[in-house]
PDB file of N, CA and C in Angstrom:
ATOM      1  N   MET A   1     105.770 112.502 117.329  1.00  0.00           N
ATOM      2  CA  MET A   1     105.193 111.473 118.136  1.00  0.00           C
ATOM      3  C   MET A   1     105.037 112.017 119.561  1.00  0.00           C
ATOM      4  N   THR A   2     103.886 111.733 120.119  1.00  0.00           N
ATOM      5  CA  THR A   2     103.632 112.215 121.490  1.00  0.00           C
ATOM      6  C   THR A   2     104.283 111.294 122.494  1.00  0.00           C
ATOM      7  N   ALA A   3     104.467 111.800 123.705  1.00  0.00           N
ATOM      8  CA  ALA A   3     105.074 111.001 124.763  1.00  0.00           C
ATOM      9  C   ALA A   3     104.222 109.763 125.070  1.00  0.00           C
ATOM     10  N   ASP A   4     102.877 109.940 125.057  1.00  0.00           N
ATOM     11  CA  ASP A   4     102.003 108.785 125.308  1.00  0.00           C
ATOM     12  C   ASP A   4     102.191 107.719 124.285  1.00  0.00           C
ATOM     13  N   ARG A   5     102.272 108.103 123.026  1.00  0.00           N
ATOM     14  CA  ARG A   5     102.444 107.123 121.947  1.00  0.00           C
ATOM     15  C   ARG A   5     103.805 106.456 122.074  1.00  0.00           C
ATOM     16  N   ALA A   6     104.858 107.242 122.388  1.00  0.00           N
ATOM     17  CA  ALA A   6     106.173 106.634 122.547  1.00  0.00           C
ATOM     18  C   ALA A   6     106.189 105.630 123.697  1.00  0.00           C
ATOM     19  N   GLU A   7     105.525 105.979 124.799  1.00  0.00           N
ATOM     20  CA  GLU A   7     105.467 105.059 125.914  1.00  0.00           C
ATOM     21  C   GLU A   7     104.707 103.788 125.530  1.00  0.00           C
ATOM     22  N   GLY A   8     103.621 103.955 124.768  1.00  0.00           N
ATOM     23  CA  GLY A   8     102.902 102.758 124.313  1.00  0.00           C
ATOM     24  C   GLY A   8     103.744 101.872 123.441  1.00  0.00           C
ATOM     25  N   LEU A   9     104.567 102.469 122.565  1.00  0.00           N
ATOM     26  CA  LEU A   9     105.439 101.687 121.719  1.00  0.00           C
ATOM     27  C   LEU A   9     106.515 100.985 122.540  1.00  0.00           C
ATOM     28  N   ALA A  10     107.062 101.700 123.519  1.00  0.00           N
ATOM     29  CA  ALA A  10     108.098 101.119 124.375  1.00  0.00           C
ATOM     30  C   ALA A  10     107.486  99.960 125.178  1.00  0.00           C
ATOM     31  N   ARG A  11     106.299 100.133 125.681  1.00  0.00           N
ATOM     32  CA  ARG A  11     105.634  99.078 126.437  1.00  0.00           C
ATOM     33  C   ARG A  11     105.369  97.862 125.571  1.00  0.00           C
ATOM     34  N   THR A  12     104.934  98.097 124.335  1.00  0.00           N
ATOM     35  CA  THR A  12     104.693  96.996 123.407  1.00  0.00           C
ATOM     36  C   THR A  12     105.993  96.261 123.078  1.00  0.00           C
ATOM     37  N   ALA A  13     107.071  97.012 122.843  1.00  0.00           N
ATOM     38  CA  ALA A  13     108.349  96.385 122.552  1.00  0.00           C
ATOM     39  C   ALA A  13     108.837  95.560 123.724  1.00  0.00           C
ATOM     40  N   ARG A  14     108.653  96.020 124.967  1.00  0.00           N
ATOM     41  CA  ARG A  14     109.027  95.241 126.142  1.00  0.00           C
ATOM     42  C   ARG A  14     108.187  93.952 126.231  1.00  0.00           C
ATOM     43  N   ALA A  15     106.890  94.084 126.017  1.00  0.00           N
ATOM     44  CA  ALA A  15     106.005  92.910 126.058  1.00  0.00           C
ATOM     45  C   ALA A  15     106.404  91.882 125.029  1.00  0.00           C
ATOM     46  N   LEU A  16     106.774  92.342 123.856  1.00  0.00           N
ATOM     47  CA  LEU A  16     107.221  91.450 122.781  1.00  0.00           C
ATOM     48  C   LEU A  16     108.526  90.749 123.195  1.00  0.00           C
ATOM     49  N   ALA A  17     109.473  91.535 123.691  1.00  0.00           N
ATOM     50  CA  ALA A  17     110.759  90.965 124.079  1.00  0.00           C
ATOM     51  C   ALA A  17     110.609  89.994 125.249  1.00  0.00           C
ATOM     52  N   ASP A  18     109.688  90.249 126.147  1.00  0.00           N
ATOM     53  CA  ASP A  18     109.459  89.407 127.318  1.00  0.00           C
ATOM     54  C   ASP A  18     108.570  88.224 127.030  1.00  0.00           C
ATOM     55  N   GLY A  19     108.061  88.098 125.816  1.00  0.00           N
ATOM     56  CA  GLY A  19     107.215  86.995 125.431  1.00  0.00           C
ATOM     57  C   GLY A  19     105.768  87.112 125.936  1.00  0.00           C
ATOM     58  N   GLU A  20     105.380  88.296 126.352  1.00  0.00           N
ATOM     59  CA  GLU A  20     104.003  88.523 126.856  1.00  0.00           C
ATOM     60  C   GLU A  20     103.013  88.623 125.718  1.00  0.00           C
ATOM     61  N   VAL A  21     103.532  88.959 124.526  1.00  0.00           N
ATOM     62  CA  VAL A  21     102.685  89.109 123.327  1.00  0.00           C
ATOM     63  C   VAL A  21     103.542  88.632 122.141  1.00  0.00           C
ATOM     64  N   THR A  22     102.881  88.157 121.096  1.00  0.00           N
ATOM     65  CA  THR A  22     103.606  87.703 119.913  1.00  0.00           C
ATOM     66  C   THR A  22     103.471  88.721 118.787  1.00  0.00           C
ATOM     67  N   SER A  23     104.386  88.602 117.851  1.00  0.00           N
ATOM     68  CA  SER A  23     104.302  89.429 116.663  1.00  0.00           C
ATOM     69  C   SER A  23     103.011  89.151 115.902  1.00  0.00           C
ATOM     70  N   ARG A  24     102.632  87.881 115.856  1.00  0.00           N
ATOM     71  CA  ARG A  24     101.390  87.539 115.190  1.00  0.00           C
ATOM     72  C   ARG A  24     100.184  88.212 115.837  1.00  0.00           C
ATOM     73  N   ALA A  25     100.125  88.177 117.167  1.00  0.00           N
ATOM     74  CA  ALA A  25      99.010  88.813 117.865  1.00  0.00           C
ATOM     75  C   ALA A  25      98.946  90.302 117.599  1.00  0.00           C
ATOM     76  N   LEU A  26     100.097  90.946 117.610  1.00  0.00           N
ATOM     77  CA  LEU A  26     100.137  92.395 117.321  1.00  0.00           C
ATOM     78  C   LEU A  26      99.690  92.667 115.884  1.00  0.00           C
ATOM     79  N   THR A  27     100.124  91.801 114.950  1.00  0.00           N
ATOM     80  CA  THR A  27      99.755  91.964 113.564  1.00  0.00           C
ATOM     81  C   THR A  27      98.277  91.725 113.353  1.00  0.00           C
ATOM     82  N   GLU A  28      97.754  90.694 113.984  1.00  0.00           N
ATOM     83  CA  GLU A  28      96.292  90.427 113.903  1.00  0.00           C
ATOM     84  C   GLU A  28      95.496  91.593 114.425  1.00  0.00           C
ATOM     85  N   ARG A  29      95.953  92.193 115.548  1.00  0.00           N
ATOM     86  CA  ARG A  29      95.249  93.308 116.133  1.00  0.00           C
ATOM     87  C   ARG A  29      95.296  94.525 115.155  1.00  0.00           C
ATOM     88  N   THR A  30      96.413  94.733 114.535  1.00  0.00           N
ATOM     89  CA  THR A  30      96.534  95.839 113.587  1.00  0.00           C
ATOM     90  C   THR A  30      95.677  95.603 112.353  1.00  0.00           C
ATOM     91  N   LEU A  31      95.654  94.377 111.864  1.00  0.00           N
ATOM     92  CA  LEU A  31      94.841  94.054 110.683  1.00  0.00           C
ATOM     93  C   LEU A  31      93.359  94.246 111.021  1.00  0.00           C
ATOM     94  N   ALA A  32      92.949  93.904 112.207  1.00  0.00           N
ATOM     95  CA  ALA A  32      91.555  94.094 112.598  1.00  0.00           C
ATOM     96  C   ALA A  32      91.195  95.573 112.634  1.00  0.00           C
ATOM     97  N   ARG A  33      92.118  96.388 113.128  1.00  0.00           N
ATOM     98  CA  ARG A  33      91.861  97.831 113.147  1.00  0.00           C
ATOM     99  C   ARG A  33      91.767  98.378 111.730  1.00  0.00           C
ATOM    100  N   ILE A  34      92.647  97.916 110.839  1.00  0.00           N
ATOM    101  CA  ILE A  34      92.605  98.348 109.455  1.00  0.00           C
ATOM    102  C   ILE A  34      91.268  97.934 108.824  1.00  0.00           C
ATOM    103  N   GLU A  35      90.845  96.699 109.059  1.00  0.00           N
ATOM    104  CA  GLU A  35      89.578  96.229 108.480  1.00  0.00           C
ATOM    105  C   GLU A  35      88.400  97.059 108.991  1.00  0.00           C
ATOM    106  N   ALA A  36      88.438  97.416 110.259  1.00  0.00           N
ATOM    107  CA  ALA A  36      87.315  98.186 110.816  1.00  0.00           C
ATOM    108  C   ALA A  36      87.269  99.615 110.280  1.00  0.00           C
ATOM    109  N   ALA A  37      88.440 100.210 110.077  1.00  0.00           N
ATOM    110  CA  ALA A  37      88.501 101.603 109.662  1.00  0.00           C
ATOM    111  C   ALA A  37      88.462 101.784 108.141  1.00  0.00           C
ATOM    112  N   GLN A  38      88.853 100.778 107.385  1.00  0.00           N
ATOM    113  CA  GLN A  38      88.985 100.913 105.951  1.00  0.00           C
ATOM    114  C   GLN A  38      87.726 101.420 105.229  1.00  0.00           C
ATOM    115  N   PRO A  39      86.542 100.914 105.585  1.00  0.00           N
ATOM    116  CA  PRO A  39      85.336 101.392 104.886  1.00  0.00           C
ATOM    117  C   PRO A  39      85.109 102.903 105.014  1.00  0.00           C
ATOM    118  N   VAL A  40      85.528 103.447 106.118  1.00  0.00           N
ATOM    119  CA  VAL A  40      85.355 104.875 106.368  1.00  0.00           C
ATOM    120  C   VAL A  40      86.529 105.703 105.852  1.00  0.00           C
ATOM    121  N   LEU A  41      87.739 105.258 106.184  1.00  0.00           N
ATOM    122  CA  LEU A  41      88.929 106.025 105.815  1.00  0.00           C
ATOM    123  C   LEU A  41      89.443 105.770 104.428  1.00  0.00           C
ATOM    124  N   ASN A  42      89.275 104.545 103.944  1.00  0.00           N
ATOM    125  CA  ASN A  42      89.827 104.158 102.655  1.00  0.00           C
ATOM    126  C   ASN A  42      91.298 104.540 102.533  1.00  0.00           C
ATOM    127  N   ALA A  43      92.045 104.181 103.615  1.00  0.00           N
ATOM    128  CA  ALA A  43      93.438 104.607 103.748  1.00  0.00           C
ATOM    129  C   ALA A  43      94.398 103.640 103.021  1.00  0.00           C
ATOM    130  N   PHE A  44      93.951 102.459 102.726  1.00  0.00           N
ATOM    131  CA  PHE A  44      94.837 101.472 102.118  1.00  0.00           C
ATOM    132  C   PHE A  44      94.317 101.042 100.766  1.00  0.00           C
ATOM    133  N   ARG A  45      95.231 101.030  99.814  1.00  0.00           N
ATOM    134  CA  ARG A  45      94.855 100.551  98.488  1.00  0.00           C
ATOM    135  C   ARG A  45      94.827  99.040  98.479  1.00  0.00           C
ATOM    136  N   ARG A  46      95.787  98.462  99.177  1.00  0.00           N
ATOM    137  CA  ARG A  46      95.882  97.002  99.241  1.00  0.00           C
ATOM    138  C   ARG A  46      96.424  96.598 100.596  1.00  0.00           C
ATOM    139  N   VAL A  47      95.815  95.623 101.211  1.00  0.00           N
ATOM    140  CA  VAL A  47      96.294  95.078 102.471  1.00  0.00           C
ATOM    141  C   VAL A  47      96.755  93.651 102.217  1.00  0.00           C
ATOM    142  N   ARG A  48      97.997  93.396 102.508  1.00  0.00           N
ATOM    143  CA  ARG A  48      98.612  92.101 102.270  1.00  0.00           C
ATOM    144  C   ARG A  48      98.563  91.254 103.543  1.00  0.00           C
ATOM    145  N   THR A  49      97.360  90.811 103.859  1.00  0.00           N
ATOM    146  CA  THR A  49      97.096  90.122 105.121  1.00  0.00           C
ATOM    147  C   THR A  49      97.962  88.879 105.278  1.00  0.00           C
ATOM    148  N   GLU A  50      97.955  88.010 104.279  1.00  0.00           N
ATOM    149  CA  GLU A  50      98.698  86.742 104.398  1.00  0.00           C
ATOM    150  C   GLU A  50     100.181  87.025 104.510  1.00  0.00           C
ATOM    151  N   ALA A  51     100.712  87.966 103.749  1.00  0.00           N
ATOM    152  CA  ALA A  51     102.121  88.263 103.817  1.00  0.00           C
ATOM    153  C   ALA A  51     102.481  88.872 105.194  1.00  0.00           C
ATOM    154  N   ALA A  52     101.625  89.722 105.706  1.00  0.00           N
ATOM    155  CA  ALA A  52     101.896  90.318 107.032  1.00  0.00           C
ATOM    156  C   ALA A  52     101.898  89.237 108.091  1.00  0.00           C
ATOM    157  N   LEU A  53     100.975  88.313 108.052  1.00  0.00           N
ATOM    158  CA  LEU A  53     100.945  87.244 109.044  1.00  0.00           C
ATOM    159  C   LEU A  53     102.152  86.307 108.904  1.00  0.00           C
ATOM    160  N   ALA A  54     102.568  86.048 107.672  1.00  0.00           N
ATOM    161  CA  ALA A  54     103.733  85.203 107.485  1.00  0.00           C
ATOM    162  C   ALA A  54     104.977  85.873 108.008  1.00  0.00           C
ATOM    163  N   GLU A  55     105.109  87.159 107.788  1.00  0.00           N
ATOM    164  CA  GLU A  55     106.281  87.915 108.303  1.00  0.00           C
ATOM    165  C   GLU A  55     106.236  87.956 109.853  1.00  0.00           C
ATOM    166  N   ALA A  56     105.066  88.081 110.421  1.00  0.00           N
ATOM    167  CA  ALA A  56     104.932  88.079 111.870  1.00  0.00           C
ATOM    168  C   ALA A  56     105.348  86.716 112.440  1.00  0.00           C
ATOM    169  N   ASP A  57     104.917  85.643 111.785  1.00  0.00           N
ATOM    170  CA  ASP A  57     105.291  84.314 112.234  1.00  0.00           C
ATOM    171  C   ASP A  57     106.793  84.119 112.137  1.00  0.00           C
ATOM    172  N   ALA A  58     107.415  84.622 111.083  1.00  0.00           N
ATOM    173  CA  ALA A  58     108.850  84.509 110.939  1.00  0.00           C
ATOM    174  C   ALA A  58     109.568  85.310 112.061  1.00  0.00           C
ATOM    175  N   ALA A  59     109.062  86.460 112.380  1.00  0.00           N
ATOM    176  CA  ALA A  59     109.638  87.269 113.472  1.00  0.00           C
ATOM    177  C   ALA A  59     109.502  86.530 114.804  1.00  0.00           C
ATOM    178  N   ASP A  60     108.382  85.899 115.015  1.00  0.00           N
ATOM    179  CA  ASP A  60     108.190  85.127 116.241  1.00  0.00           C
ATOM    180  C   ASP A  60     109.169  83.961 116.335  1.00  0.00           C
ATOM    181  N   ARG A  61     109.434  83.312 115.205  1.00  0.00           N
ATOM    182  CA  ARG A  61     110.394  82.218 115.211  1.00  0.00           C
ATOM    183  C   ARG A  61     111.792  82.752 115.577  1.00  0.00           C
ATOM    184  N   GLU A  62     112.144  83.932 115.062  1.00  0.00           N
ATOM    185  CA  GLU A  62     113.445  84.500 115.365  1.00  0.00           C
ATOM    186  C   GLU A  62     113.562  84.892 116.833  1.00  0.00           C
ATOM    187  N   LEU A  63     112.453  85.349 117.413  1.00  0.00           N
ATOM    188  CA  LEU A  63     112.478  85.736 118.823  1.00  0.00           C
ATOM    189  C   LEU A  63     112.470  84.555 119.787  1.00  0.00           C
ATOM    190  N   ALA A  64     112.067  83.381 119.287  1.00  0.00           N
ATOM    191  CA  ALA A  64     111.961  82.189 120.157  1.00  0.00           C
ATOM    192  C   ALA A  64     113.330  81.652 120.535  1.00  0.00           C
TER     193      ALA A  64
END
């Protein structure tokens, strides 16, 4: 992992802990990136969108 990527992850974790962003928002952003790249990369055999969003919502409830 590069230093830039580690800093980005640390910044995201701080924003999540500080309530500046939600788990759901991060998950939605990631799902959108997957959807955009999937036709070209075909990197995922199956994307469990509903399950991912449900888990993100549960994480948000725990953080509240």
